[in-house]
Amino acid sequence: MIRLLLFLGVIAFLCGLSTAACGASGSTFWDPAGYFSTVVPSHWRLQVSESSDSLTVFYGRDTHDLLYVERLDPVRDETAADFAERVLSLYQTPYGPQDFAVLEEPLAAEVGGVTAARVVYEFMGGSNQLVQELRYFVLVGSVGFSITYANSEAAFANGLDDLNSVLASWRWLTLE
């Protein structure tokens, strides 16, 4: 009986480390800089050539399906809401994205137990394609993170479940 309990304990531990080991459709991505981890659906592909020390890029199923995480350090904003408002104000200038429009004003949210600001906006992307983005602004100390899901207007809703899955498994490694 003790061996069975020990075996079940080891399995539970492994499931906590990687949902992929427990049959979930995805694998755990560990930020190379050590800030976060999350489970990324198996049909999303890391784009190494597009990524860097401070930017992680994944492409999904659709042509314009994109998930990217940007790290900005340091960010001088006091709150995630201030961070979001500052970035949006820059986007609303003549130098911002073409035909930029906020569709959903910033709302308080949470990512991995940390307060965030969630906003949805659209702009005219390449090839005159209307692009929508759902973006979370997060501050972990003085380090800012932007977690963004983007897709064409027509296919935007297709990836929201994937984004919710990624966010549900999000862990801030620097806070553990």
Protein backbone atom coordinates (compact mmCIF):
# COMPACT_ATOMS: atom_id res chain seq x y z
CA MET A 1 0.00 0.00 0.00
CA ILE A 2 2.84 2.40 0.82
CA ARG A 3 4.43 1.69 -2.58
CA LEU A 4 1.14 2.44 -4.32
CA LEU A 5 0.79 5.76 -2.48
CA LEU A 6 4.41 6.62 -3.25
CA PHE A 7 3.86 5.76 -6.94
CA LEU A 8 0.70 7.92 -7.08
CA GLY A 9 2.58 10.75 -5.38
CA VAL A 10 5.34 10.61 -8.00
CA ILE A 11 2.76 10.64 -10.82
CA ALA A 12 1.00 13.65 -9.26
CA PHE A 13 4.37 15.43 -8.98
CA LEU A 14 5.19 14.74 -12.62
CA CYS A 15 1.75 16.00 -13.67
CA GLY A 16 2.46 19.22 -11.84
CA LEU A 17 5.70 19.63 -13.77
CA SER A 18 4.29 18.98 -17.21
CA THR A 19 0.72 18.54 -18.33
CA ALA A 20 2.08 16.93 -21.49
CA ALA A 21 3.23 13.99 -19.37
CA CYS A 22 -0.35 13.55 -18.18
CA GLY A 23 -2.02 13.47 -21.57
CA ALA A 24 -2.93 17.15 -22.07
CA SER A 25 -2.52 18.38 -25.64
CA GLY A 26 0.42 20.71 -25.21
CA SER A 27 3.88 20.99 -23.80
CA THR A 28 5.40 23.16 -21.15
CA PHE A 29 7.39 26.10 -22.45
CA TRP A 30 10.04 27.45 -20.08
CA ASP A 31 11.13 31.02 -20.74
CA PRO A 32 14.89 30.83 -21.43
CA ALA A 33 15.40 33.93 -19.25
CA GLY A 34 13.65 32.15 -16.37
CA TYR A 35 10.71 34.51 -15.85
CA PHE A 36 7.73 32.27 -16.67
CA SER A 37 6.47 28.91 -17.85
CA THR A 38 3.21 27.94 -19.49
CA VAL A 39 1.63 25.08 -21.40
CA VAL A 40 1.44 25.80 -25.12
CA PRO A 41 -1.08 23.84 -27.25
CA SER A 42 0.60 21.23 -29.45
CA HIS A 43 -0.49 22.91 -32.72
CA TRP A 44 1.36 26.14 -31.80
CA ARG A 45 4.98 26.32 -32.98
CA LEU A 46 7.79 28.32 -31.43
CA GLN A 47 9.34 30.60 -34.03
CA VAL A 48 12.98 30.60 -32.99
CA SER A 49 14.03 32.89 -35.85
CA GLU A 50 11.46 35.52 -34.75
CA SER A 51 12.21 35.19 -31.02
CA SER A 52 14.97 36.78 -28.93
CA ASP A 53 16.00 37.16 -25.29
CA SER A 54 13.07 39.49 -24.68
CA LEU A 55 10.52 38.27 -27.26
CA THR A 56 8.94 34.83 -27.62
CA VAL A 57 6.83 34.18 -30.72
CA PHE A 58 4.49 31.25 -31.50
CA TYR A 59 2.41 30.69 -34.64
CA GLY A 60 -0.85 28.75 -34.58
CA ARG A 61 -3.08 27.11 -37.20
CA ASP A 62 -4.36 30.14 -39.09
CA THR A 63 -2.26 32.23 -41.44
CA HIS A 64 -2.26 35.21 -39.07
CA ASP A 65 -2.51 33.22 -35.79
CA LEU A 66 0.15 34.64 -33.47
CA LEU A 67 0.97 34.52 -29.77
CA TYR A 68 3.87 36.56 -28.52
CA VAL A 69 5.31 37.53 -25.16
CA GLU A 70 7.47 40.64 -24.84
CA ARG A 71 9.58 41.47 -21.81
CA LEU A 72 10.42 45.11 -21.19
CA ASP A 73 12.84 46.00 -18.44
CA PRO A 74 12.63 48.31 -16.64
CA VAL A 75 9.09 49.68 -16.84
CA ARG A 76 8.50 52.78 -14.77
CA ASP A 77 4.71 52.58 -14.64
CA GLU A 78 3.18 52.12 -11.19
CA THR A 79 0.46 49.64 -12.24
CA ALA A 80 -0.44 47.31 -15.09
CA ALA A 81 -3.30 49.69 -15.96
CA ASP A 82 -0.84 52.60 -16.23
CA PHE A 83 1.41 50.43 -18.41
CA ALA A 84 -1.51 49.62 -20.73
CA GLU A 85 -2.70 53.23 -20.94
CA ARG A 86 0.80 54.47 -21.79
CA VAL A 87 1.23 51.96 -24.62
CA LEU A 88 -2.27 52.60 -25.99
CA SER A 89 -1.63 56.35 -25.98
CA LEU A 90 1.46 55.74 -28.13
CA TYR A 91 -0.53 53.53 -30.53
CA GLN A 92 -3.15 56.29 -30.93
CA THR A 93 -0.62 58.77 -32.34
CA PRO A 94 0.05 59.33 -36.06
CA TYR A 95 3.11 57.08 -35.61
CA GLY A 96 1.06 54.17 -34.26
CA PRO A 97 -0.46 51.31 -36.27
CA GLN A 98 -2.61 52.32 -39.24
CA ASP A 99 -6.36 52.66 -38.43
CA PHE A 100 -5.76 51.77 -34.78
CA ALA A 101 -8.94 51.47 -32.69
CA VAL A 102 -9.56 50.20 -29.17
CA LEU A 103 -12.42 47.66 -29.21
CA GLU A 104 -12.45 46.88 -25.48
CA GLU A 105 -11.07 49.37 -22.98
CA PRO A 106 -8.49 48.08 -20.48
CA LEU A 107 -10.00 45.89 -17.78
CA ALA A 108 -8.42 44.48 -14.64
CA ALA A 109 -7.41 40.85 -15.09
CA GLU A 110 -4.96 38.34 -13.69
CA VAL A 111 -2.16 36.29 -15.21
CA GLY A 112 -0.55 33.65 -13.04
CA GLY A 113 -1.82 35.32 -9.88
CA VAL A 114 -0.45 38.75 -10.84
CA THR A 115 -2.64 41.77 -11.61
CA ALA A 116 -2.84 42.57 -15.30
CA ALA A 117 -4.66 44.93 -17.65
CA ARG A 118 -6.52 43.30 -20.56
CA VAL A 119 -7.35 45.22 -23.75
CA VAL A 120 -8.61 44.38 -27.26
CA TYR A 121 -7.83 46.54 -30.26
CA GLU A 122 -7.52 46.38 -34.04
CA PHE A 123 -5.41 47.94 -36.76
CA MET A 124 -4.72 47.58 -40.45
CA GLY A 125 -1.88 45.10 -40.91
CA GLY A 126 0.07 44.04 -43.97
CA SER A 127 -1.80 43.37 -47.22
CA ASN A 128 -4.65 45.57 -45.96
CA GLN A 129 -5.65 42.82 -43.51
CA LEU A 130 -7.58 43.98 -40.43
CA VAL A 131 -5.80 42.49 -37.40
CA GLN A 132 -7.24 42.17 -33.91
CA GLU A 133 -5.16 41.73 -30.78
CA LEU A 134 -6.04 40.73 -27.24
CA ARG A 135 -3.23 41.91 -25.00
CA TYR A 136 -2.40 41.52 -21.34
CA PHE A 137 -0.07 44.03 -19.71
CA VAL A 138 1.62 42.70 -16.57
CA LEU A 139 4.16 44.13 -14.14
CA VAL A 140 6.33 41.78 -12.11
CA GLY A 141 8.30 44.22 -10.01
CA SER A 142 9.82 46.68 -12.49
CA VAL A 143 9.73 44.14 -15.33
CA GLY A 144 6.89 44.62 -17.79
CA PHE A 145 5.35 41.84 -19.86
CA SER A 146 3.03 42.05 -22.82
CA ILE A 147 1.23 38.80 -23.61
CA THR A 148 -0.55 39.16 -26.94
CA TYR A 149 -2.79 36.99 -29.10
CA ALA A 150 -3.27 38.31 -32.66
CA ASN A 151 -5.21 37.09 -35.66
CA SER A 152 -7.14 38.41 -38.65
CA GLU A 153 -10.49 39.92 -37.77
CA ALA A 154 -12.30 37.02 -39.49
CA ALA A 155 -10.41 34.31 -37.54
CA PHE A 156 -9.80 36.14 -34.24
CA ALA A 157 -12.29 34.13 -32.18
CA ASN A 158 -10.73 30.83 -33.36
CA GLY A 159 -7.71 31.09 -31.04
CA LEU A 160 -9.26 32.53 -27.88
CA ASP A 161 -9.65 29.09 -26.27
CA ASP A 162 -5.94 28.47 -26.92
CA LEU A 163 -5.04 31.78 -25.32
CA ASN A 164 -7.21 31.03 -22.29
CA SER A 165 -5.48 27.65 -21.95
CA VAL A 166 -2.04 29.28 -22.09
CA LEU A 167 -3.04 31.85 -19.47
CA ALA A 168 -4.63 29.25 -17.18
CA SER A 169 -1.33 27.37 -16.96
CA TRP A 170 0.87 30.48 -16.62
CA ARG A 171 3.43 30.51 -13.79
CA TRP A 172 5.77 33.34 -12.82
CA LEU A 173 8.98 31.52 -11.95
CA THR A 174 10.57 34.58 -10.38
CA LEU A 175 7.78 34.73 -7.78
CA GLU A 176 8.09 31.11 -6.63
